[in-house]
Amino acid sequence: MFDVELFIEAIPTLFEQFIKVTLVVTVLSSLMAAALGLIWAIALRELPRPLAAPVRFVLDFIRMTPLPVHLLLVFYAFNFLSPMTVGVLVFGVHYSTYMAESYRAGIESIRKGQWEAATALSLPAHRTWRAVILPQAIRNTMPSLGNWAIAMFKDTPFLIFIMVPEMVTAAREFGGRNFSYVEAMSVAGLLFLLASYPTAVLMRKLEKKLAY
């Protein structure tokens, strides 16, 4: 039977872990992934093919291998870093490869005439990117980037692989102490929903706003 008192008792503990770990890792890693993803996307377009090919291989390798494997490899290879730092770095780099694909799609959606017009005006490359291409490409990719940030948020339980006590781990420990997991896991699920749903709504509104 569902114990309401245990449910209420679990809220402060899990909310604290949500703020201190889950939210911090998600926000910092999302910012890192968004910045790195843009760098990867531009590099793949601007670098000569002999240089772009190994970069693409590395990005594909990261994207196509499991996140827990990356966490464990970096955790043991760079054991002088704190587990939280490892989590932020690994999540940021891992999801930057997905965001790079979103940026790439946004860049390729820019009509060829835009590039030709910039060339005809003799705009330098950095100005072409900053003033012509990126404003349009980023607008086109915002919904996708938001979805990747939400996916990252839901993947934070993988931090248990490197002994970071995020919210789901705290819920499991709370359930073990009280011999009932349903209440604590319900709180964790509710917190995930309360954080993810407004973000999704905001991204849809932003998408509509940028469409005009």
C-alpha atoms as a PDB file:
ATOM      1  CA  MET A   1       0.000   0.000   0.000  1.00  0.00           C
ATOM      2  CA  PHE A   2       1.191   3.493  -0.855  1.00  0.00           C
ATOM      3  CA  ASP A   3       2.378   5.319   2.292  1.00  0.00           C
ATOM      4  CA  VAL A   4       1.624   9.048   2.004  1.00  0.00           C
ATOM      5  CA  GLU A   5       3.722   9.860   5.074  1.00  0.00           C
ATOM      6  CA  LEU A   6       6.792   8.202   3.532  1.00  0.00           C
ATOM      7  CA  PHE A   7       6.114  10.039   0.272  1.00  0.00           C
ATOM      8  CA  ILE A   8       6.090  13.392   2.095  1.00  0.00           C
ATOM      9  CA  GLU A   9       9.129  12.409   4.169  1.00  0.00           C
ATOM     10  CA  ALA A  10      11.117  11.611   1.027  1.00  0.00           C
ATOM     11  CA  ILE A  11      10.507  14.977  -0.636  1.00  0.00           C
ATOM     12  CA  PRO A  12      13.120  17.121   1.232  1.00  0.00           C
ATOM     13  CA  THR A  13      15.931  14.558   0.822  1.00  0.00           C
ATOM     14  CA  LEU A  14      15.300  13.938  -2.846  1.00  0.00           C
ATOM     15  CA  PHE A  15      14.725  17.598  -3.645  1.00  0.00           C
ATOM     16  CA  GLU A  16      18.084  18.442  -2.071  1.00  0.00           C
ATOM     17  CA  GLN A  17      19.859  15.874  -4.268  1.00  0.00           C
ATOM     18  CA  PHE A  18      17.929  17.127  -7.261  1.00  0.00           C
ATOM     19  CA  ILE A  19      19.200  20.679  -6.710  1.00  0.00           C
ATOM     20  CA  LYS A  20      22.752  19.822  -5.630  1.00  0.00           C
ATOM     21  CA  VAL A  21      23.527  17.122  -8.187  1.00  0.00           C
ATOM     22  CA  THR A  22      20.943  16.401 -10.887  1.00  0.00           C
ATOM     23  CA  LEU A  23      20.183  20.014 -11.774  1.00  0.00           C
ATOM     24  CA  VAL A  24      23.786  21.227 -11.497  1.00  0.00           C
ATOM     25  CA  VAL A  25      25.123  18.470 -13.768  1.00  0.00           C
ATOM     26  CA  THR A  26      22.322  19.006 -16.291  1.00  0.00           C
ATOM     27  CA  VAL A  27      22.741  22.783 -16.531  1.00  0.00           C
ATOM     28  CA  LEU A  28      26.553  22.814 -16.694  1.00  0.00           C
ATOM     29  CA  SER A  29      26.721  19.874 -19.098  1.00  0.00           C
ATOM     30  CA  SER A  30      24.023  21.363 -21.351  1.00  0.00           C
ATOM     31  CA  LEU A  31      25.928  24.640 -21.658  1.00  0.00           C
ATOM     32  CA  MET A  32      29.129  22.755 -22.395  1.00  0.00           C
ATOM     33  CA  ALA A  33      27.424  20.467 -24.920  1.00  0.00           C
ATOM     34  CA  ALA A  34      25.769  23.382 -26.733  1.00  0.00           C
ATOM     35  CA  ALA A  35      29.079  25.246 -27.077  1.00  0.00           C
ATOM     36  CA  LEU A  36      31.145  22.213 -28.070  1.00  0.00           C
ATOM     37  CA  GLY A  37      28.480  20.954 -30.450  1.00  0.00           C
ATOM     38  CA  LEU A  38      28.581  24.239 -32.340  1.00  0.00           C
ATOM     39  CA  ILE A  39      32.374  24.073 -32.528  1.00  0.00           C
ATOM     40  CA  TRP A  40      32.241  20.504 -33.886  1.00  0.00           C
ATOM     41  CA  ALA A  41      29.618  21.423 -36.493  1.00  0.00           C
ATOM     42  CA  ILE A  42      31.581  24.426 -37.787  1.00  0.00           C
ATOM     43  CA  ALA A  43      34.855  22.485 -37.747  1.00  0.00           C
ATOM     44  CA  LEU A  44      33.387  19.639 -39.791  1.00  0.00           C
ATOM     45  CA  ARG A  45      32.264  22.117 -42.436  1.00  0.00           C
ATOM     46  CA  GLU A  46      35.346  24.316 -42.505  1.00  0.00           C
ATOM     47  CA  LEU A  47      38.208  21.839 -42.028  1.00  0.00           C
ATOM     48  CA  PRO A  48      39.829  20.196 -45.068  1.00  0.00           C
ATOM     49  CA  ARG A  49      38.597  16.636 -45.600  1.00  0.00           C
ATOM     50  CA  PRO A  50      41.828  14.964 -44.334  1.00  0.00           C
ATOM     51  CA  LEU A  51      41.385  16.792 -41.009  1.00  0.00           C
ATOM     52  CA  ALA A  52      37.607  16.598 -40.838  1.00  0.00           C
ATOM     53  CA  ALA A  53      37.550  12.807 -41.296  1.00  0.00           C
ATOM     54  CA  PRO A  54      39.303  11.930 -37.993  1.00  0.00           C
ATOM     55  CA  VAL A  55      37.187  14.485 -36.130  1.00  0.00           C
ATOM     56  CA  ARG A  56      34.036  12.908 -37.543  1.00  0.00           C
ATOM     57  CA  PHE A  57      35.286   9.434 -36.592  1.00  0.00           C
ATOM     58  CA  VAL A  58      35.895  10.488 -32.976  1.00  0.00           C
ATOM     59  CA  LEU A  59      32.480  12.141 -32.729  1.00  0.00           C
ATOM     60  CA  ASP A  60      30.767   9.082 -34.209  1.00  0.00           C
ATOM     61  CA  PHE A  61      32.657   6.818 -31.812  1.00  0.00           C
ATOM     62  CA  ILE A  62      31.559   8.873 -28.796  1.00  0.00           C
ATOM     63  CA  ARG A  63      27.975   9.072 -29.991  1.00  0.00           C
ATOM     64  CA  MET A  64      27.699   5.360 -30.734  1.00  0.00           C
ATOM     65  CA  THR A  65      29.185   4.023 -27.496  1.00  0.00           C
ATOM     66  CA  PRO A  66      27.307   3.878 -24.164  1.00  0.00           C
ATOM     67  CA  LEU A  67      27.454   6.787 -21.770  1.00  0.00           C
ATOM     68  CA  PRO A  68      28.219   4.561 -18.710  1.00  0.00           C
ATOM     69  CA  VAL A  69      31.344   3.295 -20.485  1.00  0.00           C
ATOM     70  CA  HIS A  70      32.568   6.862 -20.973  1.00  0.00           C
ATOM     71  CA  LEU A  71      31.855   7.694 -17.334  1.00  0.00           C
ATOM     72  CA  LEU A  72      33.846   4.715 -16.064  1.00  0.00           C
ATOM     73  CA  LEU A  73      36.770   5.221 -18.458  1.00  0.00           C
ATOM     74  CA  VAL A  74      37.203   8.891 -17.599  1.00  0.00           C
ATOM     75  CA  PHE A  75      36.591   8.287 -13.891  1.00  0.00           C
ATOM     76  CA  TYR A  76      39.435   5.756 -13.651  1.00  0.00           C
ATOM     77  CA  ALA A  77      41.737   7.378 -16.206  1.00  0.00           C
ATOM     78  CA  PHE A  78      41.540  10.809 -14.547  1.00  0.00           C
ATOM     79  CA  ASN A  79      41.155   9.809 -10.920  1.00  0.00           C
ATOM     80  CA  PHE A  80      42.476  13.183  -9.760  1.00  0.00           C
ATOM     81  CA  LEU A  81      39.153  14.746 -10.847  1.00  0.00           C
ATOM     82  CA  SER A  82      36.147  14.749  -8.554  1.00  0.00           C
ATOM     83  CA  PRO A  83      33.254  12.466  -9.585  1.00  0.00           C
ATOM     84  CA  MET A  84      31.007  15.505 -10.133  1.00  0.00           C
ATOM     85  CA  THR A  85      33.582  17.071 -12.441  1.00  0.00           C
ATOM     86  CA  VAL A  86      33.878  13.824 -14.389  1.00  0.00           C
ATOM     87  CA  GLY A  87      30.095  13.677 -14.690  1.00  0.00           C
ATOM     88  CA  VAL A  88      29.833  17.211 -16.061  1.00  0.00           C
ATOM     89  CA  LEU A  89      32.692  16.708 -18.526  1.00  0.00           C
ATOM     90  CA  VAL A  90      31.505  13.334 -19.802  1.00  0.00           C
ATOM     91  CA  PHE A  91      27.868  14.356 -20.144  1.00  0.00           C
ATOM     92  CA  GLY A  92      28.936  17.590 -21.848  1.00  0.00           C
ATOM     93  CA  VAL A  93      31.228  15.917 -24.375  1.00  0.00           C
ATOM     94  CA  HIS A  94      28.887  12.973 -24.988  1.00  0.00           C
ATOM     95  CA  TYR A  95      25.850  15.115 -25.711  1.00  0.00           C
ATOM     96  CA  SER A  96      27.884  17.648 -27.695  1.00  0.00           C
ATOM     97  CA  THR A  97      28.166  14.975 -30.398  1.00  0.00           C
ATOM     98  CA  TYR A  98      24.380  14.787 -30.665  1.00  0.00           C
ATOM     99  CA  MET A  99      24.021  18.550 -30.625  1.00  0.00           C
ATOM    100  CA  ALA A 100      26.676  18.799 -33.335  1.00  0.00           C
ATOM    101  CA  GLU A 101      24.405  16.781 -35.608  1.00  0.00           C
ATOM    102  CA  SER A 102      21.513  19.115 -34.805  1.00  0.00           C
ATOM    103  CA  TYR A 103      23.666  22.156 -35.602  1.00  0.00           C
ATOM    104  CA  ARG A 104      24.867  20.491 -38.790  1.00  0.00           C
ATOM    105  CA  ALA A 105      21.287  19.955 -39.924  1.00  0.00           C
ATOM    106  CA  GLY A 106      20.500  23.573 -39.114  1.00  0.00           C
ATOM    107  CA  ILE A 107      23.517  24.831 -41.042  1.00  0.00           C
ATOM    108  CA  GLU A 108      22.704  22.674 -44.045  1.00  0.00           C
ATOM    109  CA  SER A 109      19.131  23.995 -44.025  1.00  0.00           C
ATOM    110  CA  ILE A 110      20.441  27.462 -44.925  1.00  0.00           C
ATOM    111  CA  ARG A 111      19.782  28.068 -48.595  1.00  0.00           C
ATOM    112  CA  LYS A 112      22.756  28.095 -50.928  1.00  0.00           C
ATOM    113  CA  GLY A 113      21.869  31.630 -51.985  1.00  0.00           C
ATOM    114  CA  GLN A 114      22.685  32.893 -48.491  1.00  0.00           C
ATOM    115  CA  TRP A 115      26.240  31.622 -48.789  1.00  0.00           C
ATOM    116  CA  GLU A 116      26.564  32.988 -52.313  1.00  0.00           C
ATOM    117  CA  ALA A 117      25.279  36.408 -51.229  1.00  0.00           C
ATOM    118  CA  ALA A 118      27.844  36.545 -48.419  1.00  0.00           C
ATOM    119  CA  THR A 119      30.582  35.650 -50.890  1.00  0.00           C
ATOM    120  CA  ALA A 120      29.356  38.274 -53.366  1.00  0.00           C
ATOM    121  CA  LEU A 121      29.511  40.901 -50.619  1.00  0.00           C
ATOM    122  CA  SER A 122      33.081  39.811 -49.821  1.00  0.00           C
ATOM    123  CA  LEU A 123      32.182  39.122 -46.214  1.00  0.00           C
ATOM    124  CA  PRO A 124      34.993  37.440 -44.273  1.00  0.00           C
ATOM    125  CA  ALA A 125      34.268  33.914 -43.053  1.00  0.00           C
ATOM    126  CA  HIS A 126      33.862  34.886 -39.401  1.00  0.00           C
ATOM    127  CA  ARG A 127      31.331  37.582 -40.277  1.00  0.00           C
ATOM    128  CA  THR A 128      29.441  35.256 -42.611  1.00  0.00           C
ATOM    129  CA  TRP A 129      29.060  32.761 -39.794  1.00  0.00           C
ATOM    130  CA  ARG A 130      28.232  35.315 -37.099  1.00  0.00           C
ATOM    131  CA  ALA A 131      25.878  37.585 -39.035  1.00  0.00           C
ATOM    132  CA  VAL A 132      24.297  35.351 -41.682  1.00  0.00           C
ATOM    133  CA  ILE A 133      24.519  31.625 -40.987  1.00  0.00           C
ATOM    134  CA  LEU A 134      24.454  31.085 -37.228  1.00  0.00           C
ATOM    135  CA  PRO A 135      21.431  33.281 -36.397  1.00  0.00           C
ATOM    136  CA  GLN A 136      19.325  31.235 -38.812  1.00  0.00           C
ATOM    137  CA  ALA A 137      20.890  27.845 -38.041  1.00  0.00           C
ATOM    138  CA  ILE A 138      20.558  28.196 -34.267  1.00  0.00           C
ATOM    139  CA  ARG A 139      16.951  29.290 -34.625  1.00  0.00           C
ATOM    140  CA  ASN A 140      16.261  26.138 -36.631  1.00  0.00           C
ATOM    141  CA  THR A 141      17.993  23.876 -34.115  1.00  0.00           C
ATOM    142  CA  MET A 142      16.637  25.257 -30.826  1.00  0.00           C
ATOM    143  CA  PRO A 143      13.860  22.637 -30.438  1.00  0.00           C
ATOM    144  CA  SER A 144      16.313  19.813 -31.070  1.00  0.00           C
ATOM    145  CA  LEU A 145      18.851  21.228 -28.612  1.00  0.00           C
ATOM    146  CA  GLY A 146      16.143  21.482 -25.972  1.00  0.00           C
ATOM    147  CA  ASN A 147      15.219  17.848 -26.520  1.00  0.00           C
ATOM    148  CA  TRP A 148      18.835  16.779 -26.045  1.00  0.00           C
ATOM    149  CA  ALA A 149      19.031  18.753 -22.800  1.00  0.00           C
ATOM    150  CA  ILE A 150      15.921  16.951 -21.529  1.00  0.00           C
ATOM    151  CA  ALA A 151      17.389  13.593 -22.589  1.00  0.00           C
ATOM    152  CA  MET A 152      20.568  14.441 -20.686  1.00  0.00           C
ATOM    153  CA  PHE A 153      18.519  15.333 -17.620  1.00  0.00           C
ATOM    154  CA  LYS A 154      16.851  11.920 -17.708  1.00  0.00           C
ATOM    155  CA  ASP A 155      20.223  10.174 -18.111  1.00  0.00           C
ATOM    156  CA  THR A 156      21.678  11.616 -14.890  1.00  0.00           C
ATOM    157  CA  PRO A 157      20.938   8.357 -12.968  1.00  0.00           C
ATOM    158  CA  PHE A 158      23.932   6.920 -14.857  1.00  0.00           C
ATOM    159  CA  LEU A 159      26.074   8.996 -12.478  1.00  0.00           C
ATOM    160  CA  ILE A 160      25.720   6.127 -10.001  1.00  0.00           C
ATOM    161  CA  PHE A 161      28.397   4.323 -12.071  1.00  0.00           C
ATOM    162  CA  ILE A 162      30.952   6.815 -10.723  1.00  0.00           C
ATOM    163  CA  MET A 163      29.454   6.998  -7.236  1.00  0.00           C
ATOM    164  CA  VAL A 164      27.738  10.363  -7.587  1.00  0.00           C
ATOM    165  CA  PRO A 165      24.645  10.290  -5.326  1.00  0.00           C
ATOM    166  CA  GLU A 166      22.106  11.845  -7.684  1.00  0.00           C
ATOM    167  CA  MET A 167      18.361  11.876  -7.069  1.00  0.00           C
ATOM    168  CA  VAL A 168      17.441   8.342  -8.168  1.00  0.00           C
ATOM    169  CA  THR A 169      20.272   6.902  -6.073  1.00  0.00           C
ATOM    170  CA  ALA A 170      19.000   8.878  -3.092  1.00  0.00           C
ATOM    171  CA  ALA A 171      15.507   7.518  -3.765  1.00  0.00           C
ATOM    172  CA  ARG A 172      16.783   3.945  -3.822  1.00  0.00           C
ATOM    173  CA  GLU A 173      18.703   4.466  -0.584  1.00  0.00           C
ATOM    174  CA  PHE A 174      15.645   6.026   1.046  1.00  0.00           C
ATOM    175  CA  GLY A 175      13.519   3.091  -0.080  1.00  0.00           C
ATOM    176  CA  GLY A 176      16.058   0.618   1.299  1.00  0.00           C
ATOM    177  CA  ARG A 177      16.094   2.292   4.702  1.00  0.00           C
ATOM    178  CA  ASN A 178      12.306   2.254   4.892  1.00  0.00           C
ATOM    179  CA  PHE A 179      11.714  -1.117   3.168  1.00  0.00           C
ATOM    180  CA  SER A 180       9.504   0.532   0.562  1.00  0.00           C
ATOM    181  CA  TYR A 181      10.673   1.935  -2.767  1.00  0.00           C
ATOM    182  CA  VAL A 182       7.401   3.040  -4.322  1.00  0.00           C
ATOM    183  CA  GLU A 183       7.068   6.316  -2.410  1.00  0.00           C
ATOM    184  CA  ALA A 184      10.637   7.512  -2.973  1.00  0.00           C
ATOM    185  CA  MET A 185      10.650   6.533  -6.637  1.00  0.00           C
ATOM    186  CA  SER A 186       7.318   8.319  -7.061  1.00  0.00           C
ATOM    187  CA  VAL A 187       8.863  11.491  -5.668  1.00  0.00           C
ATOM    188  CA  ALA A 188      11.844  11.123  -8.039  1.00  0.00           C
ATOM    189  CA  GLY A 189       9.542  10.586 -11.007  1.00  0.00           C
ATOM    190  CA  LEU A 190       7.442  13.584 -10.033  1.00  0.00           C
ATOM    191  CA  LEU A 191      10.515  15.812  -9.750  1.00  0.00           C
ATOM    192  CA  PHE A 192      11.706  14.660 -13.173  1.00  0.00           C
ATOM    193  CA  LEU A 193       8.294  15.500 -14.601  1.00  0.00           C
ATOM    194  CA  LEU A 194       8.056  18.887 -12.870  1.00  0.00           C
ATOM    195  CA  ALA A 195      11.447  19.845 -14.288  1.00  0.00           C
ATOM    196  CA  SER A 196      11.102  18.338 -17.774  1.00  0.00           C
ATOM    197  CA  TYR A 197       7.560  19.332 -18.692  1.00  0.00           C
ATOM    198  CA  PRO A 198       7.954  23.127 -18.248  1.00  0.00           C
ATOM    199  CA  THR A 199      11.194  22.928 -20.221  1.00  0.00           C
ATOM    200  CA  ALA A 200       9.422  21.150 -23.073  1.00  0.00           C
ATOM    201  CA  VAL A 201       6.600  23.707 -23.028  1.00  0.00           C
ATOM    202  CA  LEU A 202       9.114  26.559 -23.030  1.00  0.00           C
ATOM    203  CA  MET A 203      10.949  25.067 -25.992  1.00  0.00           C
ATOM    204  CA  ARG A 204       7.693  24.764 -27.969  1.00  0.00           C
ATOM    205  CA  LYS A 205       6.848  28.411 -27.243  1.00  0.00           C
ATOM    206  CA  LEU A 206      10.344  29.486 -28.187  1.00  0.00           C
ATOM    207  CA  GLU A 207      10.097  27.494 -31.418  1.00  0.00           C
ATOM    208  CA  LYS A 208       6.842  29.262 -32.338  1.00  0.00           C
ATOM    209  CA  LYS A 209       8.286  32.652 -31.453  1.00  0.00           C
ATOM    210  CA  LEU A 210      11.401  32.133 -33.543  1.00  0.00           C
ATOM    211  CA  ALA A 211       9.339  30.947 -36.482  1.00  0.00           C
ATOM    212  CA  TYR A 212       8.119  34.480 -37.116  1.00  0.00           C
END
